[in-house]
Amino acid sequence: MFETPDEIARLQRLLDDSHGRATEHLRGIINDERTLSGAHIAGLLTGMKVLSVATVTARGEPRISAMDGHFLHGTWTFSTSRTAAKARHLAARPAVSVAHVDGEAMAVFSHGHVVELTGEELTAVDQHWTAHYGSSPQSWGDVVMWRLDPTWMIGYAFQREELLAQRGVAV
């Protein structure tokens, strides 16, 4: 877990606001017993997680692909080759939806905009990724790294208490 208390509080405000703005249908599925808190999400999303990242083409056609994601400081970071179609979509149209779904056990759904990482933020994220992969993503070619600036996020666990206990996350 890489989040400070302030980052957890900010994440919790976003989760609460997002749940409050969700449709009745979604709130019926992701009810109080199945909602993950900011601290739960930060505790569950350690290490690399496979993300489904959705963008749109210049013609407005949806595209989704899987990407490695790391949850750092209360949001997602992810990367790909700058020559990938996904990179071109995000550079031109930074609105994005990001989901991590772990079977029926849990899911985190997010919408927002990507911010290309540069400077000190890129250095810090690159150091984290390098520790995980054993080499810097910057050494893999023309790689671009992003941070999700979320405007909506919701966390779900079908059996929250059991999931948290199984994964050693404090309730």
N, C-alpha and C. Protein backbone atom coordinates (compact mmCIF):
# COMPACT_ATOMS: atom_id res chain seq x y z
N MET A 1 0.85 -1.18 0.00
CA MET A 1 0.00 0.00 0.00
C MET A 1 0.89 1.23 0.00
N PHE A 2 0.66 2.14 -0.95
CA PHE A 2 1.51 3.31 -1.14
C PHE A 2 0.79 4.61 -0.82
N GLU A 3 -0.41 4.52 -0.29
CA GLU A 3 -1.23 5.70 -0.07
C GLU A 3 -0.98 6.33 1.29
N THR A 4 -0.95 7.65 1.30
CA THR A 4 -0.87 8.40 2.54
C THR A 4 -2.28 8.52 3.12
N PRO A 5 -2.42 8.90 4.39
CA PRO A 5 -3.76 9.12 4.93
C PRO A 5 -4.57 10.15 4.12
N ASP A 6 -3.93 11.20 3.64
CA ASP A 6 -4.64 12.19 2.82
C ASP A 6 -5.11 11.59 1.50
N GLU A 7 -4.30 10.73 0.90
CA GLU A 7 -4.69 10.10 -0.36
C GLU A 7 -5.85 9.12 -0.15
N ILE A 8 -5.83 8.39 0.96
CA ILE A 8 -6.95 7.50 1.29
C ILE A 8 -8.22 8.32 1.51
N ALA A 9 -8.11 9.44 2.21
CA ALA A 9 -9.28 10.29 2.44
C ALA A 9 -9.82 10.83 1.12
N ARG A 10 -8.95 11.27 0.23
CA ARG A 10 -9.37 11.77 -1.09
C ARG A 10 -10.05 10.66 -1.88
N LEU A 11 -9.46 9.46 -1.85
CA LEU A 11 -10.05 8.32 -2.54
C LEU A 11 -11.43 7.99 -1.97
N GLN A 12 -11.55 8.03 -0.65
CA GLN A 12 -12.84 7.73 -0.02
C GLN A 12 -13.90 8.74 -0.43
N ARG A 13 -13.54 10.02 -0.50
CA ARG A 13 -14.50 11.04 -0.94
C ARG A 13 -14.96 10.75 -2.37
N LEU A 14 -14.02 10.37 -3.24
CA LEU A 14 -14.36 10.05 -4.62
C LEU A 14 -15.30 8.83 -4.67
N LEU A 15 -14.98 7.80 -3.90
CA LEU A 15 -15.82 6.60 -3.87
C LEU A 15 -17.23 6.93 -3.36
N ASP A 16 -17.31 7.69 -2.28
CA ASP A 16 -18.61 8.06 -1.72
C ASP A 16 -19.43 8.89 -2.71
N ASP A 17 -18.78 9.87 -3.33
CA ASP A 17 -19.46 10.72 -4.31
C ASP A 17 -19.92 9.89 -5.51
N SER A 18 -19.05 9.00 -5.98
CA SER A 18 -19.38 8.17 -7.14
C SER A 18 -20.54 7.24 -6.84
N HIS A 19 -20.52 6.62 -5.68
CA HIS A 19 -21.62 5.72 -5.29
C HIS A 19 -22.92 6.51 -5.18
N GLY A 20 -22.84 7.71 -4.65
CA GLY A 20 -24.03 8.55 -4.53
C GLY A 20 -24.60 8.96 -5.88
N ARG A 21 -23.76 9.09 -6.90
CA ARG A 21 -24.20 9.47 -8.23
C ARG A 21 -24.56 8.27 -9.11
N ALA A 22 -24.32 7.06 -8.61
CA ALA A 22 -24.59 5.86 -9.39
C ALA A 22 -26.09 5.67 -9.58
N THR A 23 -26.43 4.89 -10.58
CA THR A 23 -27.84 4.61 -10.83
C THR A 23 -28.40 3.70 -9.75
N GLU A 24 -29.71 3.70 -9.65
CA GLU A 24 -30.38 2.81 -8.70
C GLU A 24 -30.01 1.36 -8.98
N HIS A 25 -29.92 1.00 -10.26
CA HIS A 25 -29.55 -0.36 -10.63
C HIS A 25 -28.18 -0.73 -10.07
N LEU A 26 -27.19 0.14 -10.29
CA LEU A 26 -25.84 -0.15 -9.81
C LEU A 26 -25.80 -0.21 -8.28
N ARG A 27 -26.48 0.72 -7.63
CA ARG A 27 -26.50 0.72 -6.16
C ARG A 27 -27.22 -0.51 -5.61
N GLY A 28 -28.12 -1.10 -6.40
CA GLY A 28 -28.76 -2.33 -5.99
C GLY A 28 -27.81 -3.51 -6.00
N ILE A 29 -26.83 -3.47 -6.89
CA ILE A 29 -25.82 -4.54 -6.98
C ILE A 29 -24.67 -4.24 -6.01
N ILE A 30 -24.17 -3.04 -6.08
CA ILE A 30 -23.05 -2.64 -5.22
C ILE A 30 -23.65 -1.87 -4.05
N ASN A 31 -24.25 -2.63 -3.15
CA ASN A 31 -24.91 -2.04 -1.98
C ASN A 31 -23.90 -1.87 -0.85
N ASP A 32 -24.37 -1.41 0.29
CA ASP A 32 -23.47 -1.12 1.41
C ASP A 32 -22.64 -2.33 1.84
N GLU A 33 -23.20 -3.53 1.74
CA GLU A 33 -22.47 -4.74 2.15
C GLU A 33 -21.42 -5.16 1.13
N ARG A 34 -21.49 -4.63 -0.08
CA ARG A 34 -20.57 -5.05 -1.15
C ARG A 34 -19.64 -3.93 -1.61
N THR A 35 -19.72 -2.79 -0.96
CA THR A 35 -18.89 -1.65 -1.35
C THR A 35 -17.53 -1.73 -0.66
N LEU A 36 -16.49 -1.49 -1.44
CA LEU A 36 -15.14 -1.43 -0.87
C LEU A 36 -14.79 0.01 -0.53
N SER A 37 -14.15 0.20 0.62
CA SER A 37 -13.69 1.54 1.03
C SER A 37 -12.37 1.86 0.34
N GLY A 38 -11.93 3.09 0.48
CA GLY A 38 -10.63 3.49 -0.06
C GLY A 38 -9.50 2.67 0.53
N ALA A 39 -9.54 2.46 1.83
CA ALA A 39 -8.49 1.66 2.48
C ALA A 39 -8.53 0.21 2.00
N HIS A 40 -9.73 -0.34 1.79
CA HIS A 40 -9.84 -1.70 1.27
C HIS A 40 -9.21 -1.79 -0.12
N ILE A 41 -9.56 -0.85 -0.99
CA ILE A 41 -9.05 -0.85 -2.36
C ILE A 41 -7.54 -0.74 -2.37
N ALA A 42 -7.00 0.18 -1.60
CA ALA A 42 -5.54 0.34 -1.54
C ALA A 42 -4.87 -0.92 -1.03
N GLY A 43 -5.49 -1.60 -0.07
CA GLY A 43 -4.92 -2.83 0.46
C GLY A 43 -5.02 -4.01 -0.49
N LEU A 44 -6.08 -4.05 -1.28
CA LEU A 44 -6.29 -5.16 -2.21
C LEU A 44 -5.52 -5.01 -3.51
N LEU A 45 -5.26 -3.78 -3.91
CA LEU A 45 -4.66 -3.55 -5.23
C LEU A 45 -3.17 -3.31 -5.14
N THR A 46 -2.46 -4.21 -4.50
CA THR A 46 -1.00 -4.12 -4.45
C THR A 46 -0.42 -4.99 -5.55
N GLY A 47 0.74 -4.61 -6.04
CA GLY A 47 1.36 -5.36 -7.14
C GLY A 47 0.69 -5.05 -8.46
N MET A 48 1.09 -5.79 -9.48
CA MET A 48 0.54 -5.58 -10.82
C MET A 48 -0.86 -6.19 -10.89
N LYS A 49 -1.77 -5.46 -11.50
CA LYS A 49 -3.12 -5.95 -11.74
C LYS A 49 -3.44 -5.77 -13.22
N VAL A 50 -4.15 -6.72 -13.78
CA VAL A 50 -4.55 -6.60 -15.18
C VAL A 50 -5.75 -5.67 -15.24
N LEU A 51 -5.63 -4.66 -16.09
CA LEU A 51 -6.69 -3.67 -16.29
C LEU A 51 -7.32 -3.86 -17.66
N SER A 52 -8.61 -3.61 -17.73
CA SER A 52 -9.29 -3.43 -19.01
C SER A 52 -9.41 -1.93 -19.18
N VAL A 53 -8.81 -1.43 -20.25
CA VAL A 53 -8.75 0.02 -20.49
C VAL A 53 -9.53 0.31 -21.77
N ALA A 54 -10.53 1.16 -21.66
CA ALA A 54 -11.40 1.47 -22.78
C ALA A 54 -11.18 2.91 -23.25
N THR A 55 -10.99 3.03 -24.56
CA THR A 55 -10.82 4.33 -25.22
C THR A 55 -11.77 4.37 -26.42
N VAL A 56 -11.69 5.45 -27.19
CA VAL A 56 -12.45 5.53 -28.43
C VAL A 56 -11.53 5.98 -29.56
N THR A 57 -11.86 5.52 -30.76
CA THR A 57 -11.12 5.92 -31.95
C THR A 57 -11.56 7.32 -32.37
N ALA A 58 -10.90 7.85 -33.38
CA ALA A 58 -11.26 9.16 -33.92
C ALA A 58 -12.70 9.16 -34.45
N ARG A 59 -13.20 7.99 -34.86
CA ARG A 59 -14.58 7.89 -35.37
C ARG A 59 -15.57 7.59 -34.25
N GLY A 60 -15.11 7.59 -33.00
CA GLY A 60 -16.00 7.36 -31.87
C GLY A 60 -16.29 5.89 -31.62
N GLU A 61 -15.51 5.00 -32.21
CA GLU A 61 -15.72 3.56 -32.00
C GLU A 61 -14.98 3.13 -30.74
N PRO A 62 -15.64 2.34 -29.89
CA PRO A 62 -14.99 1.92 -28.64
C PRO A 62 -13.90 0.88 -28.89
N ARG A 63 -12.88 0.95 -28.06
CA ARG A 63 -11.79 -0.03 -28.09
C ARG A 63 -11.43 -0.37 -26.65
N ILE A 64 -11.20 -1.66 -26.39
CA ILE A 64 -10.80 -2.08 -25.06
C ILE A 64 -9.61 -3.03 -25.20
N SER A 65 -8.69 -2.92 -24.28
CA SER A 65 -7.56 -3.84 -24.27
C SER A 65 -7.08 -4.02 -22.84
N ALA A 66 -6.32 -5.08 -22.65
CA ALA A 66 -5.76 -5.36 -21.33
C ALA A 66 -4.40 -4.70 -21.21
N MET A 67 -4.13 -4.16 -20.03
CA MET A 67 -2.84 -3.51 -19.76
C MET A 67 -2.43 -3.83 -18.33
N ASP A 68 -1.13 -3.83 -18.08
CA ASP A 68 -0.63 -3.93 -16.71
C ASP A 68 -0.95 -2.62 -16.01
N GLY A 69 -1.44 -2.71 -14.79
CA GLY A 69 -1.71 -1.53 -14.00
C GLY A 69 -1.15 -1.67 -12.60
N HIS A 70 -0.74 -0.56 -12.05
CA HIS A 70 -0.27 -0.50 -10.66
C HIS A 70 -1.05 0.62 -9.97
N PHE A 71 -1.67 0.29 -8.84
CA PHE A 71 -2.45 1.25 -8.08
C PHE A 71 -1.50 1.94 -7.11
N LEU A 72 -1.24 3.22 -7.35
CA LEU A 72 -0.28 3.99 -6.56
C LEU A 72 -0.90 5.32 -6.15
N HIS A 73 -0.82 5.65 -4.89
CA HIS A 73 -1.27 6.94 -4.38
C HIS A 73 -2.73 7.21 -4.70
N GLY A 74 -3.56 6.14 -4.67
CA GLY A 74 -4.99 6.30 -4.80
C GLY A 74 -5.53 6.30 -6.21
N THR A 75 -4.70 5.92 -7.18
CA THR A 75 -5.18 5.83 -8.56
C THR A 75 -4.31 4.88 -9.36
N TRP A 76 -4.73 4.63 -10.58
CA TRP A 76 -4.03 3.70 -11.45
C TRP A 76 -2.89 4.37 -12.21
N THR A 77 -1.81 3.63 -12.42
CA THR A 77 -0.79 3.99 -13.39
C THR A 77 -0.71 2.82 -14.36
N PHE A 78 -0.48 3.14 -15.64
CA PHE A 78 -0.34 2.09 -16.65
C PHE A 78 0.46 2.64 -17.82
N SER A 79 0.92 1.73 -18.68
CA SER A 79 1.79 2.16 -19.77
C SER A 79 1.63 1.26 -20.98
N THR A 80 2.14 1.73 -22.10
CA THR A 80 2.24 0.94 -23.32
C THR A 80 3.23 1.62 -24.25
N SER A 81 3.49 0.99 -25.36
CA SER A 81 4.35 1.59 -26.37
C SER A 81 3.66 2.82 -26.96
N ARG A 82 4.43 3.85 -27.19
CA ARG A 82 3.87 5.07 -27.77
C ARG A 82 3.33 4.81 -29.18
N THR A 83 3.77 3.71 -29.83
CA THR A 83 3.30 3.38 -31.18
C THR A 83 2.02 2.56 -31.17
N ALA A 84 1.54 2.15 -30.00
CA ALA A 84 0.31 1.36 -29.90
C ALA A 84 -0.91 2.22 -30.21
N ALA A 85 -1.94 1.59 -30.76
CA ALA A 85 -3.18 2.31 -31.04
C ALA A 85 -3.73 2.95 -29.77
N LYS A 86 -3.66 2.23 -28.65
CA LYS A 86 -4.16 2.75 -27.37
C LYS A 86 -3.46 4.08 -27.02
N ALA A 87 -2.16 4.14 -27.26
CA ALA A 87 -1.41 5.37 -26.95
C ALA A 87 -1.88 6.52 -27.83
N ARG A 88 -2.13 6.25 -29.09
CA ARG A 88 -2.63 7.31 -29.99
C ARG A 88 -4.02 7.78 -29.55
N HIS A 89 -4.87 6.83 -29.17
CA HIS A 89 -6.22 7.21 -28.70
C HIS A 89 -6.12 8.12 -27.48
N LEU A 90 -5.31 7.70 -26.50
CA LEU A 90 -5.22 8.46 -25.25
C LEU A 90 -4.57 9.83 -25.45
N ALA A 91 -3.62 9.91 -26.35
CA ALA A 91 -2.98 11.20 -26.62
C ALA A 91 -3.98 12.18 -27.24
N ALA A 92 -4.84 11.68 -28.11
CA ALA A 92 -5.80 12.54 -28.80
C ALA A 92 -7.07 12.76 -27.98
N ARG A 93 -7.49 11.74 -27.25
CA ARG A 93 -8.74 11.79 -26.50
C ARG A 93 -8.49 11.14 -25.14
N PRO A 94 -8.09 11.92 -24.14
CA PRO A 94 -7.65 11.36 -22.86
C PRO A 94 -8.75 10.81 -21.96
N ALA A 95 -10.01 10.90 -22.35
CA ALA A 95 -11.07 10.29 -21.55
C ALA A 95 -10.93 8.78 -21.63
N VAL A 96 -11.11 8.12 -20.48
CA VAL A 96 -10.85 6.68 -20.42
C VAL A 96 -11.71 6.04 -19.34
N SER A 97 -12.03 4.78 -19.55
CA SER A 97 -12.63 3.96 -18.51
C SER A 97 -11.66 2.83 -18.22
N VAL A 98 -11.49 2.53 -16.94
CA VAL A 98 -10.52 1.53 -16.49
C VAL A 98 -11.23 0.60 -15.51
N ALA A 99 -11.07 -0.71 -15.72
CA ALA A 99 -11.68 -1.67 -14.81
C ALA A 99 -10.66 -2.75 -14.45
N HIS A 100 -10.65 -3.12 -13.19
CA HIS A 100 -9.94 -4.32 -12.75
C HIS A 100 -11.01 -5.24 -12.18
N VAL A 101 -11.15 -6.42 -12.78
CA VAL A 101 -12.15 -7.39 -12.35
C VAL A 101 -11.41 -8.67 -11.99
N ASP A 102 -11.59 -9.10 -10.77
CA ASP A 102 -10.96 -10.32 -10.27
C ASP A 102 -12.05 -11.36 -10.09
N GLY A 103 -12.39 -12.02 -11.20
CA GLY A 103 -13.45 -13.02 -11.18
C GLY A 103 -14.73 -12.44 -10.61
N GLU A 104 -15.40 -13.23 -9.76
CA GLU A 104 -16.60 -12.74 -9.09
C GLU A 104 -16.28 -12.16 -7.73
N ALA A 105 -15.00 -12.21 -7.34
CA ALA A 105 -14.62 -11.78 -5.99
C ALA A 105 -14.68 -10.28 -5.80
N MET A 106 -14.11 -9.54 -6.75
CA MET A 106 -14.03 -8.09 -6.56
C MET A 106 -13.86 -7.40 -7.90
N ALA A 107 -14.14 -6.11 -7.90
CA ALA A 107 -13.93 -5.28 -9.08
C ALA A 107 -13.80 -3.83 -8.65
N VAL A 108 -13.02 -3.08 -9.42
CA VAL A 108 -12.92 -1.63 -9.25
C VAL A 108 -13.12 -1.03 -10.64
N PHE A 109 -14.12 -0.17 -10.76
CA PHE A 109 -14.46 0.48 -12.01
C PHE A 109 -14.16 1.97 -11.88
N SER A 110 -13.54 2.55 -12.91
CA SER A 110 -13.14 3.96 -12.86
C SER A 110 -13.38 4.63 -14.21
N HIS A 111 -13.70 5.90 -14.15
CA HIS A 111 -13.78 6.75 -15.34
C HIS A 111 -12.98 8.01 -15.03
N GLY A 112 -12.41 8.61 -16.04
CA GLY A 112 -11.67 9.84 -15.85
C GLY A 112 -10.87 10.19 -17.08
N HIS A 113 -9.75 10.84 -16.85
CA HIS A 113 -8.84 11.25 -17.91
C HIS A 113 -7.43 10.83 -17.54
N VAL A 114 -6.64 10.52 -18.56
CA VAL A 114 -5.25 10.17 -18.29
C VAL A 114 -4.39 11.42 -18.33
N VAL A 115 -3.33 11.36 -17.54
CA VAL A 115 -2.30 12.40 -17.52
C VAL A 115 -1.00 11.69 -17.82
N GLU A 116 -0.30 12.13 -18.85
CA GLU A 116 1.00 11.52 -19.16
C GLU A 116 1.99 11.89 -18.06
N LEU A 117 2.69 10.89 -17.58
CA LEU A 117 3.65 11.13 -16.50
C LEU A 117 4.92 11.75 -17.06
N THR A 118 5.42 12.76 -16.35
CA THR A 118 6.67 13.42 -16.70
C THR A 118 7.40 13.78 -15.42
N GLY A 119 8.64 14.19 -15.55
CA GLY A 119 9.40 14.74 -14.44
C GLY A 119 9.50 13.82 -13.24
N GLU A 120 9.36 14.40 -12.05
CA GLU A 120 9.51 13.66 -10.80
C GLU A 120 8.47 12.56 -10.64
N GLU A 121 7.25 12.82 -11.11
CA GLU A 121 6.21 11.80 -11.01
C GLU A 121 6.56 10.58 -11.87
N LEU A 122 7.05 10.82 -13.08
CA LEU A 122 7.49 9.72 -13.94
C LEU A 122 8.63 8.96 -13.29
N THR A 123 9.58 9.66 -12.73
CA THR A 123 10.72 9.02 -12.07
C THR A 123 10.25 8.12 -10.93
N ALA A 124 9.35 8.61 -10.10
CA ALA A 124 8.86 7.82 -8.96
C ALA A 124 8.10 6.59 -9.42
N VAL A 125 7.21 6.75 -10.40
CA VAL A 125 6.45 5.60 -10.90
C VAL A 125 7.37 4.62 -11.60
N ASP A 126 8.31 5.12 -12.38
CA ASP A 126 9.28 4.25 -13.06
C ASP A 126 10.09 3.44 -12.05
N GLN A 127 10.45 4.04 -10.93
CA GLN A 127 11.19 3.30 -9.90
C GLN A 127 10.34 2.17 -9.34
N HIS A 128 9.06 2.43 -9.09
CA HIS A 128 8.16 1.38 -8.60
C HIS A 128 8.05 0.25 -9.63
N TRP A 129 7.79 0.60 -10.87
CA TRP A 129 7.64 -0.41 -11.91
C TRP A 129 8.95 -1.19 -12.10
N THR A 130 10.08 -0.50 -12.05
CA THR A 130 11.38 -1.16 -12.20
C THR A 130 11.59 -2.19 -11.09
N ALA A 131 11.22 -1.84 -9.87
CA ALA A 131 11.34 -2.80 -8.75
C ALA A 131 10.47 -4.02 -8.99
N HIS A 132 9.31 -3.82 -9.60
CA HIS A 132 8.39 -4.94 -9.85
C HIS A 132 8.89 -5.83 -10.99
N TYR A 133 9.30 -5.22 -12.11
CA TYR A 133 9.64 -5.97 -13.32
C TYR A 133 11.12 -6.33 -13.43
N GLY A 134 11.97 -5.69 -12.65
CA GLY A 134 13.40 -5.96 -12.75
C GLY A 134 14.11 -5.15 -13.82
N SER A 135 13.37 -4.33 -14.54
CA SER A 135 13.96 -3.41 -15.51
C SER A 135 13.00 -2.23 -15.67
N SER A 136 13.54 -1.12 -16.10
CA SER A 136 12.74 0.08 -16.25
C SER A 136 11.88 0.00 -17.51
N PRO A 137 10.60 0.34 -17.40
CA PRO A 137 9.78 0.42 -18.61
C PRO A 137 10.38 1.38 -19.64
N GLN A 138 11.12 2.36 -19.17
CA GLN A 138 11.75 3.31 -20.09
C GLN A 138 12.81 2.64 -20.96
N SER A 139 13.27 1.46 -20.54
CA SER A 139 14.27 0.72 -21.33
C SER A 139 13.63 -0.23 -22.33
N TRP A 140 12.31 -0.31 -22.36
CA TRP A 140 11.62 -1.27 -23.22
C TRP A 140 11.31 -0.71 -24.60
N GLY A 141 11.71 0.51 -24.87
CA GLY A 141 11.40 1.16 -26.14
C GLY A 141 10.76 2.51 -25.88
N ASP A 142 9.98 2.97 -26.84
CA ASP A 142 9.33 4.27 -26.72
C ASP A 142 8.03 4.09 -25.91
N VAL A 143 8.19 4.04 -24.59
CA VAL A 143 7.08 3.75 -23.68
C VAL A 143 6.51 5.06 -23.13
N VAL A 144 5.19 5.10 -23.05
CA VAL A 144 4.51 6.22 -22.41
C VAL A 144 3.82 5.67 -21.17
N MET A 145 3.89 6.44 -20.08
CA MET A 145 3.25 6.05 -18.82
C MET A 145 2.22 7.09 -18.45
N TRP A 146 1.09 6.61 -17.93
CA TRP A 146 0.00 7.49 -17.55
C TRP A 146 -0.43 7.26 -16.12
N ARG A 147 -1.09 8.28 -15.60
CA ARG A 147 -1.81 8.20 -14.33
C ARG A 147 -3.27 8.52 -14.67
N LEU A 148 -4.18 7.75 -14.09
CA LEU A 148 -5.59 8.06 -14.23
C LEU A 148 -5.95 9.16 -13.26
N ASP A 149 -6.55 10.22 -13.76
CA ASP A 149 -7.13 11.27 -12.93
C ASP A 149 -8.63 10.96 -12.87
N PRO A 150 -9.05 10.19 -11.86
CA PRO A 150 -10.43 9.68 -11.86
C PRO A 150 -11.46 10.74 -11.49
N THR A 151 -12.59 10.67 -12.18
CA THR A 151 -13.73 11.50 -11.84
C THR A 151 -14.86 10.66 -11.25
N TRP A 152 -14.73 9.34 -11.38
CA TRP A 152 -15.73 8.40 -10.87
C TRP A 152 -15.02 7.08 -10.60
N MET A 153 -15.29 6.48 -9.45
CA MET A 153 -14.69 5.19 -9.11
C MET A 153 -15.58 4.49 -8.10
N ILE A 154 -15.70 3.19 -8.28
CA ILE A 154 -16.49 2.40 -7.35
C ILE A 154 -15.81 1.05 -7.17
N GLY A 155 -15.80 0.56 -5.95
CA GLY A 155 -15.20 -0.73 -5.64
C GLY A 155 -16.26 -1.69 -5.14
N TYR A 156 -16.14 -2.95 -5.56
CA TYR A 156 -17.15 -3.97 -5.29
C TYR A 156 -16.49 -5.26 -4.82
N ALA A 157 -17.07 -5.89 -3.85
CA ALA A 157 -16.68 -7.25 -3.45
C ALA A 157 -17.95 -8.02 -3.14
N PHE A 158 -18.12 -9.16 -3.78
CA PHE A 158 -19.34 -9.94 -3.60
C PHE A 158 -19.50 -10.37 -2.15
N GLN A 159 -18.41 -10.87 -1.55
CA GLN A 159 -18.40 -11.24 -0.13
C GLN A 159 -17.24 -10.50 0.52
N ARG A 160 -17.47 -9.24 0.79
CA ARG A 160 -16.42 -8.31 1.23
C ARG A 160 -15.64 -8.82 2.43
N GLU A 161 -16.30 -9.18 3.51
CA GLU A 161 -15.58 -9.57 4.72
C GLU A 161 -14.71 -10.80 4.48
N GLU A 162 -15.23 -11.77 3.74
CA GLU A 162 -14.46 -12.97 3.43
C GLU A 162 -13.26 -12.65 2.55
N LEU A 163 -13.47 -11.80 1.55
CA LEU A 163 -12.37 -11.41 0.66
C LEU A 163 -11.26 -10.71 1.43
N LEU A 164 -11.63 -9.75 2.24
CA LEU A 164 -10.63 -9.01 3.02
C LEU A 164 -9.87 -9.93 3.94
N ALA A 165 -10.55 -10.86 4.60
CA ALA A 165 -9.89 -11.81 5.50
C ALA A 165 -8.96 -12.72 4.72
N GLN A 166 -9.41 -13.24 3.59
CA GLN A 166 -8.57 -14.13 2.78
C GLN A 166 -7.30 -13.45 2.29
N ARG A 167 -7.41 -12.17 1.98
CA ARG A 167 -6.26 -11.44 1.40
C ARG A 167 -5.50 -10.65 2.43
N GLY A 168 -5.86 -10.79 3.70
CA GLY A 168 -5.11 -10.14 4.78
C GLY A 168 -5.23 -8.63 4.83
N VAL A 169 -6.38 -8.11 4.41
CA VAL A 169 -6.61 -6.67 4.43
C VAL A 169 -7.48 -6.34 5.64
N ALA A 170 -7.04 -5.37 6.41
CA ALA A 170 -7.76 -5.00 7.64
C ALA A 170 -9.17 -4.52 7.30
N VAL A 171 -10.10 -4.95 8.11
CA VAL A 171 -11.50 -4.54 7.94
C VAL A 171 -11.66 -3.26 8.68
